[in-house]
Amino acid sequence: MAYKISDECISCGACAAECPVEAISEGDGKYVINADTCIECGACADTCPVGAPAAE
Protein backbone atom coordinates (compact mmCIF):
# COMPACT_ATOMS: atom_id res chain seq x y z
CA MET A 1 0.00 0.00 0.00
CA ALA A 2 1.34 3.44 -0.90
CA TYR A 3 2.45 5.93 1.69
CA LYS A 4 0.31 8.95 2.54
CA ILE A 5 1.32 12.23 4.18
CA SER A 6 -0.74 13.27 7.20
CA ASP A 7 -1.80 16.76 8.24
CA GLU A 8 1.25 16.81 10.54
CA CYS A 9 3.30 17.80 7.46
CA ILE A 10 5.26 21.03 7.95
CA SER A 11 6.07 21.41 4.21
CA CYS A 12 9.83 21.22 4.72
CA GLY A 13 10.40 19.18 1.55
CA ALA A 14 12.75 16.66 3.12
CA CYS A 15 10.60 13.75 1.96
CA ALA A 16 10.45 14.92 -1.66
CA ALA A 17 14.23 15.22 -1.80
CA GLU A 18 14.63 11.60 -0.62
CA CYS A 19 12.00 9.94 -2.83
CA PRO A 20 13.83 7.77 -5.42
CA VAL A 21 10.87 7.79 -7.85
CA GLU A 22 9.84 11.44 -7.45
CA ALA A 23 6.36 10.47 -6.22
CA ILE A 24 6.16 13.40 -3.78
CA SER A 25 5.18 16.92 -4.73
CA GLU A 26 4.12 20.08 -2.96
CA GLY A 27 0.37 20.22 -2.53
CA ASP A 28 -2.00 22.75 -1.01
CA GLY A 29 -0.59 23.29 2.48
CA LYS A 30 1.32 20.01 2.65
CA TYR A 31 3.23 17.60 0.46
CA VAL A 32 1.38 14.77 -1.28
CA ILE A 33 2.39 11.34 -2.54
CA ASN A 34 1.25 9.99 -5.90
CA ALA A 35 0.02 6.50 -4.96
CA ASP A 36 0.47 5.24 -8.52
CA THR A 37 4.18 6.13 -8.47
CA CYS A 38 5.03 5.28 -4.83
CA ILE A 39 7.11 2.10 -4.47
CA GLU A 40 6.60 1.88 -0.69
CA CYS A 41 10.32 2.11 0.09
CA GLY A 42 9.85 4.19 3.25
CA ALA A 43 12.60 6.71 2.44
CA CYS A 44 10.15 9.57 3.01
CA ALA A 45 9.12 8.29 6.43
CA ASP A 46 12.73 7.78 7.47
CA THR A 47 13.70 11.37 6.67
CA CYS A 48 10.61 13.28 7.88
CA PRO A 49 11.28 15.28 11.05
CA VAL A 50 7.64 15.06 12.20
CA GLY A 51 6.72 11.54 11.00
CA ALA A 52 4.07 12.73 8.56
CA PRO A 53 4.47 10.03 5.86
CA ALA A 54 3.01 6.65 6.81
CA ALA A 55 1.80 3.53 5.05
CA GLU A 56 -1.94 3.64 4.41
PDB file of N, CA and C in Angstrom:
ATOM      1  N   MET A   1       0.846  -1.183   0.000  1.00  0.00           N
ATOM      2  CA  MET A   1       0.000   0.000   0.000  1.00  0.00           C
ATOM      3  C   MET A   1       0.890   1.246   0.000  1.00  0.00           C
ATOM      4  N   ALA A   2       0.545   2.213  -0.779  1.00  0.00           N
ATOM      5  CA  ALA A   2       1.338   3.436  -0.902  1.00  0.00           C
ATOM      6  C   ALA A   2       1.344   4.236   0.395  1.00  0.00           C
ATOM      7  N   TYR A   3       2.364   5.038   0.548  1.00  0.00           N
ATOM      8  CA  TYR A   3       2.451   5.930   1.693  1.00  0.00           C
ATOM      9  C   TYR A   3       1.541   7.139   1.477  1.00  0.00           C
ATOM     10  N   LYS A   4       1.140   7.749   2.573  1.00  0.00           N
ATOM     11  CA  LYS A   4       0.314   8.948   2.535  1.00  0.00           C
ATOM     12  C   LYS A   4       0.873   9.919   3.561  1.00  0.00           C
ATOM     13  N   ILE A   5       0.804  11.218   3.274  1.00  0.00           N
ATOM     14  CA  ILE A   5       1.320  12.230   4.183  1.00  0.00           C
ATOM     15  C   ILE A   5       0.160  12.819   4.987  1.00  0.00           C
ATOM     16  N   SER A   6       0.318  12.787   6.300  1.00  0.00           N
ATOM     17  CA  SER A   6      -0.737  13.273   7.199  1.00  0.00           C
ATOM     18  C   SER A   6      -0.720  14.795   7.306  1.00  0.00           C
ATOM     19  N   ASP A   7      -1.695  15.318   8.010  1.00  0.00           N
ATOM     20  CA  ASP A   7      -1.799  16.757   8.238  1.00  0.00           C
ATOM     21  C   ASP A   7      -0.686  17.283   9.146  1.00  0.00           C
ATOM     22  N   GLU A   8       0.119  16.404   9.708  1.00  0.00           N
ATOM     23  CA  GLU A   8       1.254  16.809  10.540  1.00  0.00           C
ATOM     24  C   GLU A   8       2.367  17.426   9.700  1.00  0.00           C
ATOM     25  N   CYS A   9       2.283  17.297   8.386  1.00  0.00           N
ATOM     26  CA  CYS A   9       3.304  17.799   7.456  1.00  0.00           C
ATOM     27  C   CYS A   9       3.573  19.285   7.683  1.00  0.00           C
ATOM     28  N   ILE A  10       4.869  19.640   7.766  1.00  0.00           N
ATOM     29  CA  ILE A  10       5.262  21.034   7.952  1.00  0.00           C
ATOM     30  C   ILE A  10       5.823  21.633   6.657  1.00  0.00           C
ATOM     31  N   SER A  11       5.644  20.946   5.543  1.00  0.00           N
ATOM     32  CA  SER A  11       6.067  21.408   4.209  1.00  0.00           C
ATOM     33  C   SER A  11       7.547  21.760   4.132  1.00  0.00           C
ATOM     34  N   CYS A  12       8.390  20.950   4.753  1.00  0.00           N
ATOM     35  CA  CYS A  12       9.828  21.223   4.724  1.00  0.00           C
ATOM     36  C   CYS A  12      10.488  20.711   3.448  1.00  0.00           C
ATOM     37  N   GLY A  13       9.868  19.720   2.793  1.00  0.00           N
ATOM     38  CA  GLY A  13      10.401  19.184   1.545  1.00  0.00           C
ATOM     39  C   GLY A  13      11.424  18.079   1.700  1.00  0.00           C
ATOM     40  N   ALA A  14      11.750  17.703   2.909  1.00  0.00           N
ATOM     41  CA  ALA A  14      12.751  16.658   3.119  1.00  0.00           C
ATOM     42  C   ALA A  14      12.346  15.342   2.459  1.00  0.00           C
ATOM     43  N   CYS A  15      11.086  15.013   2.535  1.00  0.00           N
ATOM     44  CA  CYS A  15      10.604  13.753   1.965  1.00  0.00           C
ATOM     45  C   CYS A  15      10.739  13.740   0.443  1.00  0.00           C
ATOM     46  N   ALA A  16      10.383  14.830  -0.190  1.00  0.00           N
ATOM     47  CA  ALA A  16      10.448  14.917  -1.655  1.00  0.00           C
ATOM     48  C   ALA A  16      11.883  14.753  -2.144  1.00  0.00           C
ATOM     49  N   ALA A  17      12.823  15.320  -1.414  1.00  0.00           N
ATOM     50  CA  ALA A  17      14.226  15.221  -1.798  1.00  0.00           C
ATOM     51  C   ALA A  17      14.742  13.787  -1.704  1.00  0.00           C
ATOM     52  N   GLU A  18      14.172  12.970  -0.823  1.00  0.00           N
ATOM     53  CA  GLU A  18      14.630  11.601  -0.622  1.00  0.00           C
ATOM     54  C   GLU A  18      13.910  10.561  -1.481  1.00  0.00           C
ATOM     55  N   CYS A  19      12.784  10.915  -2.076  1.00  0.00           N
ATOM     56  CA  CYS A  19      12.000   9.942  -2.834  1.00  0.00           C
ATOM     57  C   CYS A  19      12.738   9.521  -4.116  1.00  0.00           C
ATOM     58  N   PRO A  20      13.059   8.222  -4.253  1.00  0.00           N
ATOM     59  CA  PRO A  20      13.826   7.771  -5.418  1.00  0.00           C
ATOM     60  C   PRO A  20      13.028   7.756  -6.725  1.00  0.00           C
ATOM     61  N   VAL A  21      11.697   7.822  -6.641  1.00  0.00           N
ATOM     62  CA  VAL A  21      10.875   7.786  -7.855  1.00  0.00           C
ATOM     63  C   VAL A  21      10.111   9.086  -8.079  1.00  0.00           C
ATOM     64  N   GLU A  22      10.461  10.113  -7.326  1.00  0.00           N
ATOM     65  CA  GLU A  22       9.841  11.440  -7.448  1.00  0.00           C
ATOM     66  C   GLU A  22       8.313  11.396  -7.375  1.00  0.00           C
ATOM     67  N   ALA A  23       7.801  10.616  -6.412  1.00  0.00           N
ATOM     68  CA  ALA A  23       6.360  10.468  -6.223  1.00  0.00           C
ATOM     69  C   ALA A  23       5.770  11.556  -5.334  1.00  0.00           C
ATOM     70  N   ILE A  24       6.618  12.397  -4.737  1.00  0.00           N
ATOM     71  CA  ILE A  24       6.158  13.395  -3.778  1.00  0.00           C
ATOM     72  C   ILE A  24       6.272  14.790  -4.374  1.00  0.00           C
ATOM     73  N   SER A  25       5.183  15.542  -4.232  1.00  0.00           N
ATOM     74  CA  SER A  25       5.182  16.917  -4.731  1.00  0.00           C
ATOM     75  C   SER A  25       4.490  17.817  -3.722  1.00  0.00           C
ATOM     76  N   GLU A  26       4.727  19.114  -3.871  1.00  0.00           N
ATOM     77  CA  GLU A  26       4.124  20.081  -2.958  1.00  0.00           C
ATOM     78  C   GLU A  26       2.659  20.257  -3.315  1.00  0.00           C
ATOM     79  N   GLY A  27       1.802  20.058  -2.329  1.00  0.00           N
ATOM     80  CA  GLY A  27       0.367  20.216  -2.529  1.00  0.00           C
ATOM     81  C   GLY A  27      -0.116  21.502  -1.877  1.00  0.00           C
ATOM     82  N   ASP A  28      -1.383  21.569  -1.620  1.00  0.00           N
ATOM     83  CA  ASP A  28      -1.996  22.749  -1.012  1.00  0.00           C
ATOM     84  C   ASP A  28      -1.855  22.673   0.507  1.00  0.00           C
ATOM     85  N   GLY A  29      -0.804  23.269   1.038  1.00  0.00           N
ATOM     86  CA  GLY A  29      -0.594  23.294   2.480  1.00  0.00           C
ATOM     87  C   GLY A  29       0.236  22.156   3.032  1.00  0.00           C
ATOM     88  N   LYS A  30       0.476  21.126   2.241  1.00  0.00           N
ATOM     89  CA  LYS A  30       1.320  20.011   2.653  1.00  0.00           C
ATOM     90  C   LYS A  30       1.772  19.256   1.412  1.00  0.00           C
ATOM     91  N   TYR A  31       2.767  18.414   1.575  1.00  0.00           N
ATOM     92  CA  TYR A  31       3.231  17.596   0.459  1.00  0.00           C
ATOM     93  C   TYR A  31       2.288  16.416   0.262  1.00  0.00           C
ATOM     94  N   VAL A  32       2.248  15.902  -0.961  1.00  0.00           N
ATOM     95  CA  VAL A  32       1.376  14.771  -1.284  1.00  0.00           C
ATOM     96  C   VAL A  32       2.185  13.705  -2.016  1.00  0.00           C
ATOM     97  N   ILE A  33       1.735  12.468  -1.899  1.00  0.00           N
ATOM     98  CA  ILE A  33       2.394  11.341  -2.545  1.00  0.00           C
ATOM     99  C   ILE A  33       1.464  10.777  -3.614  1.00  0.00           C
ATOM    100  N   ASN A  34       1.997  10.613  -4.818  1.00  0.00           N
ATOM    101  CA  ASN A  34       1.251   9.986  -5.905  1.00  0.00           C
ATOM    102  C   ASN A  34       1.263   8.482  -5.662  1.00  0.00           C
ATOM    103  N   ALA A  35       0.117   7.922  -5.311  1.00  0.00           N
ATOM    104  CA  ALA A  35       0.016   6.505  -4.963  1.00  0.00           C
ATOM    105  C   ALA A  35       0.375   5.591  -6.129  1.00  0.00           C
ATOM    106  N   ASP A  36       0.160   6.055  -7.347  1.00  0.00           N
ATOM    107  CA  ASP A  36       0.472   5.236  -8.519  1.00  0.00           C
ATOM    108  C   ASP A  36       1.973   5.140  -8.770  1.00  0.00           C
ATOM    109  N   THR A  37       2.732   6.099  -8.261  1.00  0.00           N
ATOM    110  CA  THR A  37       4.176   6.126  -8.465  1.00  0.00           C
ATOM    111  C   THR A  37       4.940   5.574  -7.266  1.00  0.00           C
ATOM    112  N   CYS A  38       4.383   5.712  -6.072  1.00  0.00           N
ATOM    113  CA  CYS A  38       5.032   5.284  -4.827  1.00  0.00           C
ATOM    114  C   CYS A  38       5.399   3.801  -4.873  1.00  0.00           C
ATOM    115  N   ILE A  39       6.653   3.492  -4.493  1.00  0.00           N
ATOM    116  CA  ILE A  39       7.114   2.100  -4.469  1.00  0.00           C
ATOM    117  C   ILE A  39       7.207   1.559  -3.039  1.00  0.00           C
ATOM    118  N   GLU A  40       6.678   2.302  -2.089  1.00  0.00           N
ATOM    119  CA  GLU A  40       6.598   1.884  -0.689  1.00  0.00           C
ATOM    120  C   GLU A  40       7.959   1.577  -0.073  1.00  0.00           C
ATOM    121  N   CYS A  41       8.969   2.372  -0.418  1.00  0.00           N
ATOM    122  CA  CYS A  41      10.316   2.105   0.090  1.00  0.00           C
ATOM    123  C   CYS A  41      10.525   2.635   1.508  1.00  0.00           C
ATOM    124  N   GLY A  42       9.735   3.640   1.913  1.00  0.00           N
ATOM    125  CA  GLY A  42       9.847   4.190   3.254  1.00  0.00           C
ATOM    126  C   GLY A  42      10.896   5.271   3.418  1.00  0.00           C
ATOM    127  N   ALA A  43      11.572   5.668   2.347  1.00  0.00           N
ATOM    128  CA  ALA A  43      12.602   6.711   2.444  1.00  0.00           C
ATOM    129  C   ALA A  43      12.009   8.012   2.971  1.00  0.00           C
ATOM    130  N   CYS A  44      10.797   8.332   2.565  1.00  0.00           N
ATOM    131  CA  CYS A  44      10.149   9.568   3.013  1.00  0.00           C
ATOM    132  C   CYS A  44       9.898   9.539   4.516  1.00  0.00           C
ATOM    133  N   ALA A  45       9.412   8.417   5.000  1.00  0.00           N
ATOM    134  CA  ALA A  45       9.115   8.292   6.425  1.00  0.00           C
ATOM    135  C   ALA A  45      10.386   8.357   7.259  1.00  0.00           C
ATOM    136  N   ASP A  46      11.476   7.796   6.743  1.00  0.00           N
ATOM    137  CA  ASP A  46      12.734   7.776   7.473  1.00  0.00           C
ATOM    138  C   ASP A  46      13.350   9.167   7.608  1.00  0.00           C
ATOM    139  N   THR A  47      13.078  10.050   6.668  1.00  0.00           N
ATOM    140  CA  THR A  47      13.703  11.374   6.666  1.00  0.00           C
ATOM    141  C   THR A  47      12.823  12.475   7.257  1.00  0.00           C
ATOM    142  N   CYS A  48      11.535  12.238   7.407  1.00  0.00           N
ATOM    143  CA  CYS A  48      10.606  13.278   7.878  1.00  0.00           C
ATOM    144  C   CYS A  48      10.839  13.616   9.348  1.00  0.00           C
ATOM    145  N   PRO A  49      11.040  14.903   9.659  1.00  0.00           N
ATOM    146  CA  PRO A  49      11.281  15.283  11.053  1.00  0.00           C
ATOM    147  C   PRO A  49      10.057  15.200  11.955  1.00  0.00           C
ATOM    148  N   VAL A  50       8.855  15.122  11.377  1.00  0.00           N
ATOM    149  CA  VAL A  50       7.637  15.056  12.199  1.00  0.00           C
ATOM    150  C   VAL A  50       6.854  13.761  11.997  1.00  0.00           C
ATOM    151  N   GLY A  51       7.378  12.836  11.204  1.00  0.00           N
ATOM    152  CA  GLY A  51       6.721  11.541  11.004  1.00  0.00           C
ATOM    153  C   GLY A  51       5.426  11.610  10.224  1.00  0.00           C
ATOM    154  N   ALA A  52       5.313  12.563   9.302  1.00  0.00           N
ATOM    155  CA  ALA A  52       4.069  12.726   8.558  1.00  0.00           C
ATOM    156  C   ALA A  52       3.775  11.606   7.556  1.00  0.00           C
ATOM    157  N   PRO A  53       4.769  11.110   6.800  1.00  0.00           N
ATOM    158  CA  PRO A  53       4.465  10.026   5.857  1.00  0.00           C
ATOM    159  C   PRO A  53       4.286   8.698   6.598  1.00  0.00           C
ATOM    160  N   ALA A  54       3.263   7.953   6.212  1.00  0.00           N
ATOM    161  CA  ALA A  54       3.013   6.647   6.811  1.00  0.00           C
ATOM    162  C   ALA A  54       2.311   5.758   5.782  1.00  0.00           C
ATOM    163  N   ALA A  55       2.472   4.463   5.935  1.00  0.00           N
ATOM    164  CA  ALA A  55       1.797   3.526   5.049  1.00  0.00           C
ATOM    165  C   ALA A  55       0.304   3.593   5.325  1.00  0.00           C
ATOM    166  N   GLU A  56      -0.466   3.571   4.261  1.00  0.00           N
ATOM    167  CA  GLU A  56      -1.939   3.636   4.412  1.00  0.00           C
ATOM    168  C   GLU A  56      -2.448   2.332   4.950  1.00  0.00           C
TER     169      GLU A  56
END
